[in-house]
């Protein structure tokens, strides 16, 4: 097998193509917008003049996120920090995509990674072998996509139940009573202990950043701090079953409910809600389904961030608590089924990673 330098195989086709700003993404439209985010499609646009011009499949690389995407459909390039890569020679692009997915790049946080990607070497077996490898990995990836679709259907079910019981969170078509979040609990923001004191981050108290507000419930965090950090910094202990809301940039109003006592950084607001007035699960879903509208109401066009005062003044509707509690019980059943699907997804991803590494170590395909 012959190994090639990155520049011998791939050219960067990003330059000269227009990019759409995040603020201009639509929820629906004719043309998908693809950027460096986790989702394949991050939004839509109706601006046909921004269509990316290409004649063969592309690989998009998130310079900050290190996420690769295989693109073979009409699209618009979104935001900054994404590279559009095209093969220079006759090659199975899907094979190249999977190989790049297996590349190990240094973790530099949110810094740029493309300079490291350009240093890798790429093995090129005969084209027929490339196609066999791509076909094997396609089948493994199909399992992952099927599991993700099941999870999406559970999320759609939760939204359908919410709309059926309470109506649209934006229009309040059922004319429920309104309340500000400040009336439901005491809202505070977190803090970051000094990184110069190493022992602060050598404890067992979960310390969340806004990037970790991905799921309805949170049980752990990437970093942990100690009690000393709580005493000597602006970080605070957050009571179990509180509602946490992101405030900054694209993480604004991302949310979670902590299932363990924890802490968080200053980009997150939190409160333990009064359970006589509001069910935390209901409020979580209201904010999730009305998130885009609430952000627009609270932020100007040029203002990326929210602040604690804005969080306190967010207005939601509040049906009778008995109805909120009934909704939370239904969500509990849906979440139980989602956990089964999540476990299946985890196994599918483990299988894919094993195949990915095995293929490119030569364990599954012999020359």
Protein backbone atom coordinates (compact mmCIF):
# COMPACT_ATOMS: atom_id res chain seq x y z
CA UNK A 1 0.00 0.00 0.00
CA UNK A 2 1.35 3.43 -0.92
CA UNK A 3 1.14 6.32 1.54
CA UNK A 4 0.73 9.90 0.32
CA UNK A 5 1.08 13.33 1.87
CA UNK A 6 -2.17 15.20 2.52
CA UNK A 7 -1.36 17.84 -0.12
CA UNK A 8 -0.83 15.16 -2.78
CA UNK A 9 -4.36 13.82 -2.32
CA UNK A 10 -6.52 16.72 -1.13
CA UNK A 11 -7.03 20.36 -2.05
CA UNK A 12 -8.76 23.00 0.07
CA UNK A 13 -11.67 24.40 -1.95
CA UNK A 14 -13.00 26.72 0.74
CA UNK A 15 -11.66 30.01 -0.60
CA UNK A 16 -13.83 32.07 -2.91
CA UNK A 17 -17.10 30.49 -1.81
CA UNK A 18 -19.59 32.59 0.17
CA UNK A 19 -20.59 31.59 3.71
CA UNK A 20 -23.88 32.19 5.46
CA UNK A 21 -23.89 33.75 8.94
CA UNK A 22 -25.48 31.76 11.77
CA UNK A 23 -27.96 34.59 12.35
CA UNK A 24 -29.27 34.04 8.80
CA UNK A 25 -30.02 30.31 9.16
CA UNK A 26 -33.66 29.35 8.75
CA UNK A 27 -35.55 26.51 10.44
CA UNK A 28 -36.99 25.56 7.05
CA UNK A 29 -35.99 26.35 3.49
CA UNK A 30 -35.02 24.92 0.12
CA UNK A 31 -31.26 24.56 0.64
CA UNK A 32 -29.49 22.86 3.56
CA UNK A 33 -26.82 24.86 5.38
CA UNK A 34 -23.81 22.81 6.50
CA UNK A 35 -21.19 24.11 8.93
CA UNK A 36 -18.81 22.64 11.52
CA UNK A 37 -21.51 21.82 14.08
CA UNK A 38 -22.41 18.32 15.27
CA UNK A 39 -25.50 18.01 13.10
CA UNK A 40 -25.06 17.22 9.40
CA UNK A 41 -27.48 20.02 8.51
CA UNK A 42 -27.40 23.07 10.80
CA UNK A 43 -30.13 25.11 9.12
CA UNK A 44 -31.69 26.10 5.82
CA UNK A 45 -31.71 29.03 3.41
CA UNK A 46 -33.65 30.11 0.34
CA UNK A 47 -30.75 32.10 -1.12
CA UNK A 48 -29.83 30.09 -4.23
CA UNK A 49 -27.02 32.51 -5.08
CA UNK A 50 -25.03 31.09 -2.14
CA UNK A 51 -25.10 27.49 -3.41
CA UNK A 52 -21.68 25.87 -3.11
CA UNK A 53 -20.40 24.83 -6.53
CA UNK A 54 -18.82 21.36 -6.76
CA UNK A 55 -18.75 18.50 -9.26
CA UNK A 56 -17.89 15.56 -6.99
CA UNK A 57 -18.45 14.70 -3.32
CA UNK A 58 -16.75 16.90 -0.74
CA UNK A 59 -15.49 16.39 2.78
CA UNK A 60 -16.16 19.24 5.18
CA UNK A 61 -13.83 19.61 8.17
CA UNK A 62 -14.60 21.65 11.27
CA UNK A 63 -11.40 23.56 11.95
CA UNK A 64 -12.49 24.10 15.56
CA UNK A 65 -14.68 21.06 16.18
CA UNK A 66 -12.65 18.40 14.29
CA UNK A 67 -15.91 17.07 12.84
CA UNK A 68 -15.85 15.55 9.33
CA UNK A 69 -18.91 15.48 7.04
CA UNK A 70 -19.38 13.72 3.70
CA UNK A 71 -21.38 15.96 1.35
CA UNK A 72 -22.87 14.80 -1.96
CA UNK A 73 -25.96 17.04 -2.09
CA UNK A 74 -26.57 20.74 -2.93
CA UNK A 75 -25.75 22.91 0.09
CA UNK A 76 -24.68 26.32 1.38
CA UNK A 77 -21.50 26.67 3.42
CA UNK A 78 -22.36 28.03 6.85
CA UNK A 79 -20.52 30.28 9.29
CA UNK A 80 -16.75 30.29 9.76
CA UNK A 81 -14.22 27.64 10.69
CA UNK A 82 -15.23 24.98 8.17
CA UNK A 83 -12.96 23.68 5.39
CA UNK A 84 -14.30 22.21 2.13
CA UNK A 85 -11.91 19.46 0.96
CA UNK A 86 -11.88 17.77 -2.44
CA UNK A 87 -9.82 14.86 -3.78
CA UNK A 88 -7.21 15.82 -6.37
CA UNK A 89 -7.00 12.36 -7.91
CA UNK A 90 -9.30 9.48 -8.85
CA UNK A 91 -10.25 8.12 -5.44
CA UNK A 92 -13.29 6.77 -3.58
CA UNK A 93 -14.22 9.91 -1.63
CA UNK A 94 -16.17 7.93 0.97
CA UNK A 95 -13.01 5.89 1.67
CA UNK A 96 -11.07 9.13 2.11
CA UNK A 97 -13.78 10.46 4.42
CA UNK A 98 -13.64 7.40 6.65
CA UNK A 99 -9.86 7.48 6.79
CA UNK A 100 -9.88 11.13 7.85
CA UNK A 101 -12.45 10.26 10.53
CA UNK A 102 -9.91 7.79 11.94
CA UNK A 103 -7.11 10.37 12.07
CA UNK A 104 -5.89 11.30 15.55
CA UNK A 105 -5.41 15.04 15.86
CA UNK A 106 -4.09 16.81 18.96
CA UNK A 107 -6.78 18.20 21.25
CA UNK A 108 -6.21 21.96 21.24
CA UNK A 109 -9.63 22.89 22.54
CA UNK A 110 -11.43 25.34 20.27
CA UNK A 111 -8.23 26.37 18.48
CA UNK A 112 -7.78 25.60 14.79
CA UNK A 113 -6.84 22.03 13.82
CA UNK A 114 -6.45 22.17 10.04
CA UNK A 115 -2.70 22.72 10.28
CA UNK A 116 -2.43 19.36 12.04
CA UNK A 117 -4.71 17.61 9.57
CA UNK A 118 -2.45 18.70 6.72
CA UNK A 119 0.45 16.82 8.31
CA UNK A 120 -1.11 13.36 8.13
CA UNK A 121 -0.24 10.72 5.55
CA UNK A 122 -2.97 8.85 3.69
CA UNK A 123 -2.81 5.20 2.58
CA UNK A 124 -4.25 4.43 -0.86
CA UNK A 125 -4.95 0.79 -1.71
CA UNK A 126 -6.34 -0.04 -5.18
CA UNK A 127 -9.64 1.68 -6.00
CA UNK A 128 -11.56 -1.61 -5.74
CA UNK A 129 -10.26 -2.09 -2.20
CA UNK A 130 -11.17 1.49 -1.32
CA UNK A 131 -14.73 0.78 -2.45
CA UNK A 132 -14.91 -2.42 -0.38
CA UNK A 133 -13.73 -0.58 2.72
CA UNK A 134 -16.25 2.21 2.15
CA UNK A 135 -19.07 -0.34 1.70
CA UNK A 136 -18.23 -2.13 4.99
CA UNK A 137 -18.10 1.13 6.94
CA UNK A 138 -21.27 2.39 5.26
CA UNK A 139 -23.18 -0.60 6.66
CA UNK A 140 -21.82 0.03 10.15
CA UNK A 141 -22.65 3.74 9.89
CA UNK A 142 -26.18 2.84 8.76
CA UNK A 143 -26.78 1.17 12.14
CA UNK A 144 -25.77 4.40 13.86
CA UNK A 145 -28.05 6.51 11.70
CA UNK A 146 -30.99 4.14 12.33
CA UNK A 147 -30.50 4.43 16.09
CA UNK A 148 -30.27 8.23 15.83
CA UNK A 149 -33.53 8.30 13.88
CA UNK A 150 -35.23 6.32 16.64
CA UNK A 151 -34.00 8.84 19.21
CA UNK A 152 -35.29 11.69 17.05
CA UNK A 153 -38.71 10.02 16.91
CA UNK A 154 -38.85 9.92 20.71
CA UNK A 155 -38.00 13.64 20.77
CA UNK A 156 -40.74 14.27 18.21
CA UNK A 157 -43.16 12.27 20.36
CA UNK A 158 -42.33 14.42 23.39
CA UNK A 159 -42.97 17.56 21.35
CA UNK A 160 -46.27 16.19 20.03
CA UNK A 161 -47.44 15.39 23.57
CA UNK A 162 -46.50 18.90 24.72
CA UNK A 163 -48.36 20.59 21.85
CA UNK A 164 -51.41 18.38 22.34
CA UNK A 165 -51.60 19.12 26.07
CA UNK A 166 -50.55 22.78 26.15
CA UNK A 167 -50.57 24.23 22.64
CA UNK A 168 -47.87 26.32 20.96
CA UNK A 169 -45.40 27.80 23.52
CA UNK A 170 -44.96 30.88 21.29
CA UNK A 171 -48.59 31.84 20.64
CA UNK A 172 -50.08 30.45 23.88
CA UNK A 173 -53.15 29.40 21.93
CA UNK A 174 -54.78 27.91 25.06
CA UNK A 175 -54.42 31.20 26.97
CA UNK A 176 -52.59 29.83 29.99
CA UNK A 177 -51.48 32.20 32.75
CA UNK A 178 -48.06 33.77 32.21
CA UNK A 179 -45.15 33.91 34.62
CA UNK A 180 -41.55 35.11 34.59
CA UNK A 181 -38.82 32.64 35.52
CA UNK A 182 -37.86 34.99 38.36
CA UNK A 183 -41.21 34.15 40.00
CA UNK A 184 -40.47 30.41 40.00
CA UNK A 185 -37.14 30.31 41.80
CA UNK A 186 -34.03 32.20 42.88
CA UNK A 187 -31.75 32.49 39.85
CA UNK A 188 -27.98 32.67 40.11
CA UNK A 189 -25.02 32.22 37.79
CA UNK A 190 -21.98 30.03 38.32
CA UNK A 191 -18.30 30.82 38.41
CA UNK A 192 -14.89 29.50 37.41
CA UNK A 193 -12.27 28.79 40.10
CA UNK A 194 -8.77 30.03 39.33
CA UNK A 195 -6.91 27.69 36.99
CA UNK A 196 -3.70 28.77 38.70
CA UNK A 197 -4.66 26.74 41.78
CA UNK A 198 -4.47 23.17 40.53
CA UNK A 199 -6.11 21.58 43.58
CA UNK A 200 -9.36 23.44 42.82
CA UNK A 201 -9.91 21.05 39.90
CA UNK A 202 -8.97 17.94 41.84
CA UNK A 203 -12.24 17.11 43.55
CA UNK A 204 -15.47 15.16 43.07
CA UNK A 205 -18.03 17.95 42.55
CA UNK A 206 -19.19 17.99 38.90
CA UNK A 207 -18.46 21.39 37.30
CA UNK A 208 -20.45 22.00 34.13
CA UNK A 209 -19.77 24.23 31.14
CA UNK A 210 -22.48 25.30 28.69
CA UNK A 211 -21.16 22.86 26.10
CA UNK A 212 -22.32 20.03 28.37
CA UNK A 213 -25.98 21.11 28.48
CA UNK A 214 -26.95 18.57 25.84
CA UNK A 215 -29.53 16.31 27.52
CA UNK A 216 -32.58 16.68 29.71
CA UNK A 217 -30.73 15.12 32.67
CA UNK A 218 -27.09 15.50 33.69
CA UNK A 219 -25.31 13.09 36.03
CA UNK A 220 -21.63 13.92 35.50
CA UNK A 221 -19.23 16.42 33.95
CA UNK A 222 -15.90 16.51 32.17
CA UNK A 223 -14.21 18.40 35.02
CA UNK A 224 -14.71 18.25 38.78
CA UNK A 225 -13.85 20.76 41.47
CA UNK A 226 -13.39 20.49 45.24
CA UNK A 227 -15.17 22.04 48.24
CA UNK A 228 -12.26 24.46 48.70
CA UNK A 229 -12.96 25.85 45.24
CA UNK A 230 -16.58 26.44 46.25
CA UNK A 231 -15.51 28.27 49.41
CA UNK A 232 -12.79 30.40 47.80
CA UNK A 233 -14.23 31.29 44.39
CA UNK A 234 -17.42 32.46 42.67
CA UNK A 235 -18.40 28.84 41.95
CA UNK A 236 -21.54 27.69 43.79
CA UNK A 237 -23.13 24.41 44.75
CA UNK A 238 -26.30 23.68 42.79
CA UNK A 239 -29.02 21.68 44.48
CA UNK A 240 -30.07 18.44 42.78
CA UNK A 241 -33.02 18.71 40.35
CA UNK A 242 -32.35 22.37 39.53
CA UNK A 243 -32.81 23.83 36.04
CA UNK A 244 -29.62 25.03 34.33
CA UNK A 245 -29.72 27.39 31.33
CA UNK A 246 -26.85 28.48 29.09
CA UNK A 247 -26.51 32.22 28.51
CA UNK A 248 -23.74 32.81 25.98
CA UNK A 249 -23.71 32.81 22.19
CA UNK A 250 -25.01 29.63 20.49
CA UNK A 251 -25.41 27.90 23.87
CA UNK A 252 -28.02 30.44 24.99
CA UNK A 253 -30.99 28.56 26.53
CA UNK A 254 -29.41 25.16 26.10
CA UNK A 255 -30.61 23.47 29.26
CA UNK A 256 -30.45 20.50 31.58
CA UNK A 257 -31.74 19.25 34.93
CA UNK A 258 -28.96 18.10 37.25
CA UNK A 259 -29.56 14.74 38.93
CA UNK A 260 -26.60 15.18 41.28
CA UNK A 261 -25.38 18.13 43.31
CA UNK A 262 -22.99 20.05 41.06
CA UNK A 263 -21.49 23.41 40.12
CA UNK A 264 -21.10 25.34 36.85
CA UNK A 265 -19.26 28.19 35.19
CA UNK A 266 -20.42 31.77 34.78
CA UNK A 267 -21.97 31.09 31.36
CA UNK A 268 -24.81 29.17 33.03
CA UNK A 269 -27.77 30.38 35.09
CA UNK A 270 -29.54 28.02 37.48
CA UNK A 271 -32.43 27.82 39.94
CA UNK A 272 -34.28 25.28 42.03
CA UNK A 273 -37.89 25.84 40.95
CA UNK A 274 -40.83 26.01 43.34
CA UNK A 275 -42.60 22.69 42.72
CA UNK A 276 -45.91 24.12 43.88
CA UNK A 277 -45.86 26.50 40.92
CA UNK A 278 -43.89 24.72 38.22
CA UNK A 279 -42.73 21.25 37.29
CA UNK A 280 -39.07 21.51 36.26
CA UNK A 281 -39.52 18.98 33.42
CA UNK A 282 -42.41 21.04 32.02
CA UNK A 283 -40.35 24.26 32.15
CA UNK A 284 -37.40 22.49 30.53
CA UNK A 285 -39.54 21.40 27.58
CA UNK A 286 -41.25 24.76 27.27
CA UNK A 287 -37.84 26.41 26.90
CA UNK A 288 -36.62 23.73 24.48
CA UNK A 289 -39.61 24.08 22.17
CA UNK A 290 -39.76 27.88 22.41
CA UNK A 291 -36.01 28.47 22.56
CA UNK A 292 -35.55 30.28 19.25
CA UNK A 293 -38.46 32.63 19.94
CA UNK A 294 -37.32 33.37 23.50
CA UNK A 295 -33.78 34.15 22.31
CA UNK A 296 -35.05 36.57 19.68
CA UNK A 297 -37.24 38.31 22.24
CA UNK A 298 -34.39 38.82 24.68
CA UNK A 299 -31.45 39.64 22.39
CA UNK A 300 -30.80 42.32 19.82
CA UNK A 301 -29.58 41.46 16.33
CA UNK A 302 -25.95 42.14 17.27
CA UNK A 303 -26.12 40.85 20.82
CA UNK A 304 -24.88 37.28 21.03
CA UNK A 305 -25.17 36.72 24.76
CA UNK A 306 -27.89 36.71 27.35
CA UNK A 307 -27.35 37.65 30.98
CA UNK A 308 -28.85 36.72 34.34
CA UNK A 309 -31.34 39.58 34.23
CA UNK A 310 -32.61 38.40 30.82
CA UNK A 311 -33.01 34.86 32.15
CA UNK A 312 -35.02 36.08 35.13
CA UNK A 313 -37.33 38.06 32.86
CA UNK A 314 -38.08 35.25 30.41
CA UNK A 315 -41.83 34.78 30.34
CA UNK A 316 -43.46 31.36 30.01
CA UNK A 317 -47.01 30.11 30.38
CA UNK A 318 -47.97 27.95 33.35
CA UNK A 319 -50.88 25.47 33.12
CA UNK A 320 -52.22 24.01 36.38
CA UNK A 321 -49.49 22.14 38.25
CA UNK A 322 -51.48 18.89 38.09
CA UNK A 323 -51.36 19.04 34.28
CA UNK A 324 -47.64 19.84 34.31
CA UNK A 325 -47.02 16.85 36.58
CA UNK A 326 -49.03 14.56 34.29
CA UNK A 327 -46.89 15.70 31.35
CA UNK A 328 -43.72 14.97 33.37
CA UNK A 329 -44.94 11.41 34.02
CA UNK A 330 -45.42 10.83 30.29
CA UNK A 331 -41.94 12.23 29.63
CA UNK A 332 -40.55 9.84 32.24
CA UNK A 333 -41.89 6.90 30.23
CA UNK A 334 -40.51 8.32 26.98
CA UNK A 335 -37.09 8.87 28.59
CA UNK A 336 -37.05 5.25 29.78
CA UNK A 337 -37.47 4.08 26.19
CA UNK A 338 -34.91 6.61 25.00
CA UNK A 339 -32.34 5.10 27.34
CA UNK A 340 -32.78 1.74 25.59
CA UNK A 341 -32.25 3.45 22.24
CA UNK A 342 -29.21 5.31 23.61
CA UNK A 343 -27.64 2.05 24.69
CA UNK A 344 -28.22 0.62 21.22
CA UNK A 345 -26.64 3.73 19.69
CA UNK A 346 -23.63 3.40 21.98
CA UNK A 347 -23.09 -0.20 20.87
CA UNK A 348 -23.45 0.80 17.20
CA UNK A 349 -20.87 3.55 17.66
CA UNK A 350 -18.48 1.18 19.43
CA UNK A 351 -18.84 -1.30 16.55
CA UNK A 352 -18.17 1.47 14.01
CA UNK A 353 -15.08 2.72 15.86
CA UNK A 354 -13.72 -0.82 16.11
CA UNK A 355 -14.23 -1.39 12.39
CA UNK A 356 -12.78 2.02 11.54
CA UNK A 357 -9.57 1.38 13.42
CA UNK A 358 -9.38 -2.25 12.30
CA UNK A 359 -9.76 -1.41 8.62
CA UNK A 360 -6.99 1.14 8.59
CA UNK A 361 -4.67 -1.08 10.59
CA UNK A 362 -5.09 -3.67 7.85
CA UNK A 363 -6.91 -6.16 10.10
CA UNK A 364 -10.03 -6.57 7.95
CA UNK A 365 -8.82 -5.90 4.43
CA UNK A 366 -5.76 -7.65 3.08
CA UNK A 367 -3.91 -6.40 0.04
